[in-house]
Amino acid sequence: MEKIFYNKTAIITGAGTGIGFEIAKQLAAQGAAVILNDLDAGLAKKAAQTIAAVGGKVLPMGGDASDLSFLQNLVDEAVARFGHLDIAVANAGITTYGDFFEYTPEQFQQLVAVNLQGSFFLAQFAARQMKAQGMGGRILFMSSVTGHQSHRHLATYGMTKAGLEQLARGLVAELAPLQITVNAVAPGATLTERTTGDADYAETWKKITPTGRAATVQDIAHAALFLLSPLAGQITGQTLVVDGGWTAVSPQPG
């Protein structure tokens, strides 16, 4: 069977574990060469080894996805190693909980630097390269249902995620004529290494999610790969919510 990402090159930030790793794994399995970034260089290397062990073409690059010079280096390395860049997934992000009345400027600036600045400039640097190549491309932001609904102590995080969805819409006018699509995926409750550390997480979200379960990383990656694929060439400026229907009914976790 033909691999739909054959001869494509992808950058994925924050991909040492969780959703980012699963997207990287699935892209590589479908023929893409993947630049796999994580802040933890050791984690990036371990993730890349796992993918390479089953035949994937992957290059680990440890570094800070909010650092503009590092982001440019990701793009430059993709082109130097594989000749071109076709896909950029701005997956790196941090979550900081905080009471609105007590949230500090330092917390705010750190959150915005990673979630918004890092995503914006990865998109900009990748789109410049795609424009120069003249072959179109795919850009994907990772949002969250917190960008759609209110969650206690997550107002600032939700603000950054809603901002990414508007960024996807806002870039359409400039990127669509270049055949570069830009979209977002908004995961709901998802079982990852972080959330499964909470013994009550799966059971809580099972009770309040219409489909009767939290999402898996595979669920989110399948949505991402669709938007990155040739099948989604006429879809741009959109956000695909993957939450088992939770935002339609929105009961809060107890």
Protein backbone atom coordinates (compact mmCIF):
# COMPACT_ATOMS: atom_id res chain seq x y z
CA MET A 1 0.00 0.00 0.00
CA GLU A 2 1.30 3.45 -0.92
CA LYS A 3 2.52 5.54 1.99
CA ILE A 4 0.73 8.87 1.74
CA PHE A 5 3.59 10.92 3.23
CA TYR A 6 6.33 9.35 1.11
CA ASN A 7 9.09 11.88 0.31
CA LYS A 8 7.63 14.47 2.71
CA THR A 9 9.66 16.12 5.45
CA ALA A 10 8.02 17.13 8.72
CA ILE A 11 9.07 19.09 11.80
CA ILE A 12 7.24 18.29 15.05
CA THR A 13 8.01 20.19 18.24
CA GLY A 14 7.45 18.80 21.72
CA ALA A 15 7.40 15.26 20.36
CA GLY A 16 9.35 13.29 22.94
CA THR A 17 6.19 11.81 24.44
CA GLY A 18 2.42 11.95 24.24
CA ILE A 19 0.49 13.36 21.29
CA GLY A 20 3.55 14.80 19.57
CA PHE A 21 5.37 11.48 19.67
CA GLU A 22 2.34 9.64 18.28
CA ILE A 23 2.03 12.11 15.40
CA ALA A 24 5.74 11.68 14.66
CA LYS A 25 5.43 7.90 14.78
CA GLN A 26 2.43 7.82 12.46
CA LEU A 27 3.99 10.25 9.99
CA ALA A 28 7.17 8.20 9.86
CA ALA A 29 5.18 5.00 9.40
CA GLN A 30 3.51 6.65 6.40
CA GLY A 31 6.83 7.50 4.78
CA ALA A 32 7.73 10.97 6.08
CA ALA A 33 11.18 11.99 7.22
CA VAL A 34 10.64 13.52 10.66
CA ILE A 35 12.62 16.13 12.57
CA LEU A 36 11.60 15.22 16.12
CA ASN A 37 12.10 17.99 18.66
CA ASP A 38 11.80 17.98 22.43
CA LEU A 39 13.12 20.33 25.09
CA ASP A 40 14.73 17.25 26.67
CA ALA A 41 17.41 16.14 24.21
CA GLY A 42 17.64 12.70 25.82
CA LEU A 43 13.91 12.20 25.46
CA ALA A 44 14.03 13.30 21.80
CA LYS A 45 16.81 10.80 21.14
CA LYS A 46 14.95 7.97 22.87
CA ALA A 47 11.74 8.74 20.94
CA ALA A 48 13.65 8.83 17.67
CA GLN A 49 15.30 5.50 18.41
CA THR A 50 11.88 3.93 19.00
CA ILE A 51 10.65 5.18 15.63
CA ALA A 52 13.86 4.24 13.81
CA ALA A 53 13.71 0.72 15.25
CA VAL A 54 10.62 0.02 13.13
CA GLY A 55 12.06 1.56 9.99
CA GLY A 56 11.14 5.22 10.37
CA LYS A 57 13.34 8.02 9.06
CA VAL A 58 13.79 10.39 11.98
CA LEU A 59 16.27 12.97 13.27
CA PRO A 60 16.12 14.00 16.95
CA MET A 61 16.83 17.64 17.84
CA GLY A 62 16.77 18.67 21.46
CA GLY A 63 16.07 22.33 22.14
CA ASP A 64 13.69 25.04 23.29
CA ALA A 65 10.76 25.51 20.90
CA SER A 66 10.25 29.07 22.16
CA ASP A 67 13.78 30.05 21.08
CA LEU A 68 13.62 31.74 17.67
CA SER A 69 17.15 30.89 16.61
CA PHE A 70 16.54 27.25 17.48
CA LEU A 71 13.30 27.21 15.47
CA GLN A 72 15.14 28.54 12.44
CA ASN A 73 17.75 25.87 12.99
CA LEU A 74 15.03 23.20 12.86
CA VAL A 75 13.97 24.44 9.44
CA ASP A 76 17.53 24.76 8.18
CA GLU A 77 18.40 21.25 9.37
CA ALA A 78 15.30 19.76 7.73
CA VAL A 79 16.33 21.25 4.39
CA ALA A 80 20.01 20.35 4.80
CA ARG A 81 19.25 16.72 5.65
CA PHE A 82 16.25 16.01 3.44
CA GLY A 83 16.23 18.72 0.77
CA HIS A 84 12.88 20.33 1.52
CA LEU A 85 10.25 21.00 4.19
CA ASP A 86 6.61 20.10 3.68
CA ILE A 87 4.97 19.89 7.12
CA ALA A 88 5.33 21.82 10.39
CA VAL A 89 3.46 20.77 13.52
CA ALA A 90 3.67 23.27 16.39
CA ASN A 91 2.94 20.80 19.16
CA ALA A 92 5.22 22.10 21.91
CA GLY A 93 3.32 23.76 24.72
CA ILE A 94 3.13 24.10 28.46
CA THR A 95 0.19 24.15 30.84
CA THR A 96 0.28 26.38 33.90
CA TYR A 97 -2.59 26.35 36.35
CA GLY A 98 -3.23 29.46 38.38
CA ASP A 99 -5.87 31.48 40.15
CA PHE A 100 -6.61 34.53 37.99
CA PHE A 101 -6.18 36.82 41.00
CA GLU A 102 -2.73 35.43 41.79
CA TYR A 103 -1.32 34.70 38.30
CA THR A 104 2.08 36.38 37.93
CA PRO A 105 3.67 38.25 35.01
CA GLU A 106 6.45 35.66 35.01
CA GLN A 107 3.96 32.80 34.58
CA PHE A 108 2.16 34.72 31.85
CA GLN A 109 5.30 35.50 29.88
CA GLN A 110 6.60 31.94 30.05
CA LEU A 111 3.28 30.53 28.88
CA VAL A 112 2.95 32.98 25.99
CA ALA A 113 6.58 32.46 24.94
CA VAL A 114 6.12 28.74 24.43
CA ASN A 115 2.49 28.42 23.37
CA LEU A 116 2.12 31.50 21.17
CA GLN A 117 5.55 32.85 20.27
CA GLY A 118 7.03 29.43 19.55
CA SER A 119 4.06 28.35 17.44
CA PHE A 120 3.87 31.64 15.52
CA PHE A 121 7.53 31.70 14.56
CA LEU A 122 7.77 28.01 13.70
CA ALA A 123 4.90 28.67 11.29
CA GLN A 124 6.59 31.78 9.92
CA PHE A 125 9.98 30.15 9.38
CA ALA A 126 8.42 27.01 7.89
CA ALA A 127 6.12 29.01 5.60
CA ARG A 128 9.04 31.08 4.30
CA GLN A 129 10.79 27.86 3.31
CA MET A 130 7.62 26.42 1.75
CA LYS A 131 7.08 29.65 -0.20
CA ALA A 132 10.64 29.50 -1.54
CA GLN A 133 10.13 25.88 -2.61
CA GLY A 134 6.89 26.70 -4.43
CA MET A 135 5.32 23.31 -3.67
CA GLY A 136 2.79 24.22 -0.99
CA GLY A 137 2.77 22.69 2.46
CA ARG A 138 0.93 21.98 5.69
CA ILE A 139 1.07 23.83 9.02
CA LEU A 140 -0.74 22.54 12.09
CA PHE A 141 -1.24 24.09 15.53
CA MET A 142 -2.18 22.10 18.61
CA SER A 143 -5.00 23.84 20.45
CA SER A 144 -7.26 22.51 23.22
CA VAL A 145 -10.90 22.41 24.28
CA THR A 146 -9.85 24.95 26.92
CA GLY A 147 -9.81 27.43 24.06
CA HIS A 148 -13.57 26.82 23.70
CA GLN A 149 -14.88 26.32 27.24
CA SER A 150 -14.14 27.75 30.67
CA HIS A 151 -11.95 25.69 33.00
CA ARG A 152 -11.12 26.76 36.51
CA HIS A 153 -7.53 28.04 36.86
CA LEU A 154 -6.86 27.63 33.12
CA ALA A 155 -8.00 31.00 31.77
CA THR A 156 -4.53 32.01 30.59
CA TYR A 157 -3.76 28.64 29.04
CA GLY A 158 -7.14 28.68 27.28
CA MET A 159 -6.40 32.17 25.99
CA THR A 160 -3.23 30.93 24.29
CA LYS A 161 -5.06 28.00 22.73
CA ALA A 162 -7.88 30.17 21.41
CA GLY A 163 -5.18 32.45 20.04
CA LEU A 164 -3.69 29.59 18.03
CA GLU A 165 -7.06 28.85 16.46
CA GLN A 166 -7.41 32.50 15.43
CA LEU A 167 -3.86 32.39 14.09
CA ALA A 168 -4.84 29.46 11.86
CA ARG A 169 -7.77 31.50 10.53
CA GLY A 170 -5.75 34.67 10.26
CA LEU A 171 -3.01 33.16 8.12
CA VAL A 172 -5.37 31.84 5.44
CA ALA A 173 -5.37 35.04 3.36
CA GLU A 174 -1.57 35.01 3.09
CA LEU A 175 -0.85 31.30 2.84
CA ALA A 176 -3.72 29.83 0.82
CA PRO A 177 -2.54 31.41 -2.46
CA LEU A 178 0.74 29.56 -1.90
CA GLN A 179 -1.12 26.25 -1.43
CA ILE A 180 -0.06 26.15 2.21
CA THR A 181 -2.88 25.06 4.48
CA VAL A 182 -2.96 26.02 8.14
CA ASN A 183 -5.26 24.34 10.63
CA ALA A 184 -5.51 23.36 14.29
CA VAL A 185 -6.49 20.30 16.29
CA ALA A 186 -8.14 20.86 19.68
CA PRO A 187 -7.87 17.74 21.85
CA GLY A 188 -10.19 17.16 24.76
CA ALA A 189 -9.27 14.94 27.70
CA THR A 190 -6.54 12.62 26.44
CA LEU A 191 -4.73 9.68 28.00
CA THR A 192 -1.02 10.51 27.93
CA GLU A 193 1.95 9.74 30.14
CA ARG A 194 1.10 12.85 32.17
CA THR A 195 -2.63 12.35 32.62
CA THR A 196 -2.49 8.62 33.33
CA GLY A 197 -0.42 9.48 36.38
CA ASP A 198 -3.70 10.66 37.89
CA ALA A 199 -5.54 7.53 39.06
CA ASP A 200 -8.95 9.21 38.71
CA TYR A 201 -8.42 10.84 35.31
CA ALA A 202 -9.70 8.10 33.00
CA GLU A 203 -12.70 7.29 35.19
CA THR A 204 -13.68 10.95 35.62
CA TRP A 205 -13.65 11.65 31.89
CA LYS A 206 -15.34 8.35 31.09
CA LYS A 207 -18.34 9.55 33.10
CA ILE A 208 -18.67 13.00 31.53
CA THR A 209 -17.65 12.34 27.91
CA PRO A 210 -20.57 11.44 25.60
CA THR A 211 -18.62 8.66 23.88
CA GLY A 212 -17.86 7.12 27.26
CA ARG A 213 -14.09 7.48 27.29
CA ALA A 214 -11.21 9.92 27.15
CA ALA A 215 -9.32 10.18 23.88
CA THR A 216 -6.13 8.27 23.20
CA VAL A 217 -3.05 9.80 21.59
CA GLN A 218 -3.90 7.70 18.53
CA ASP A 219 -7.28 9.46 18.26
CA ILE A 220 -5.58 12.86 18.19
CA ALA A 221 -2.83 11.76 15.80
CA HIS A 222 -5.37 10.34 13.34
CA ALA A 223 -7.08 13.75 13.18
CA ALA A 224 -3.73 15.50 12.75
CA LEU A 225 -2.62 13.20 9.94
CA PHE A 226 -5.87 13.79 8.08
CA LEU A 227 -5.32 17.56 8.13
CA LEU A 228 -1.69 17.09 7.07
CA SER A 229 -2.57 14.73 4.22
CA PRO A 230 -3.41 15.35 0.55
CA LEU A 231 -7.02 14.48 1.46
CA ALA A 232 -7.34 17.82 3.26
CA GLY A 233 -6.05 20.10 0.53
CA GLN A 234 -9.23 22.20 0.51
CA ILE A 235 -9.40 22.54 4.30
CA THR A 236 -7.64 25.56 5.81
CA GLY A 237 -8.25 27.97 8.65
CA GLN A 238 -10.18 25.34 10.58
CA THR A 239 -10.03 23.73 14.01
CA LEU A 240 -10.92 20.07 14.43
CA VAL A 241 -12.10 19.33 17.98
CA VAL A 242 -11.38 15.76 19.12
CA ASP A 243 -13.15 15.39 22.44
CA GLY A 244 -15.76 12.65 22.20
CA GLY A 245 -18.48 15.30 22.15
CA TRP A 246 -17.52 16.92 25.46
CA THR A 247 -17.70 20.52 24.26
CA ALA A 248 -21.24 19.89 23.02
CA VAL A 249 -22.44 19.23 26.57
CA SER A 250 -19.58 20.56 28.71
CA PRO A 251 -20.05 19.00 32.16
CA GLN A 252 -17.14 19.97 34.37
CA PRO A 253 -14.93 17.31 35.96
CA GLY A 254 -15.74 16.89 39.64
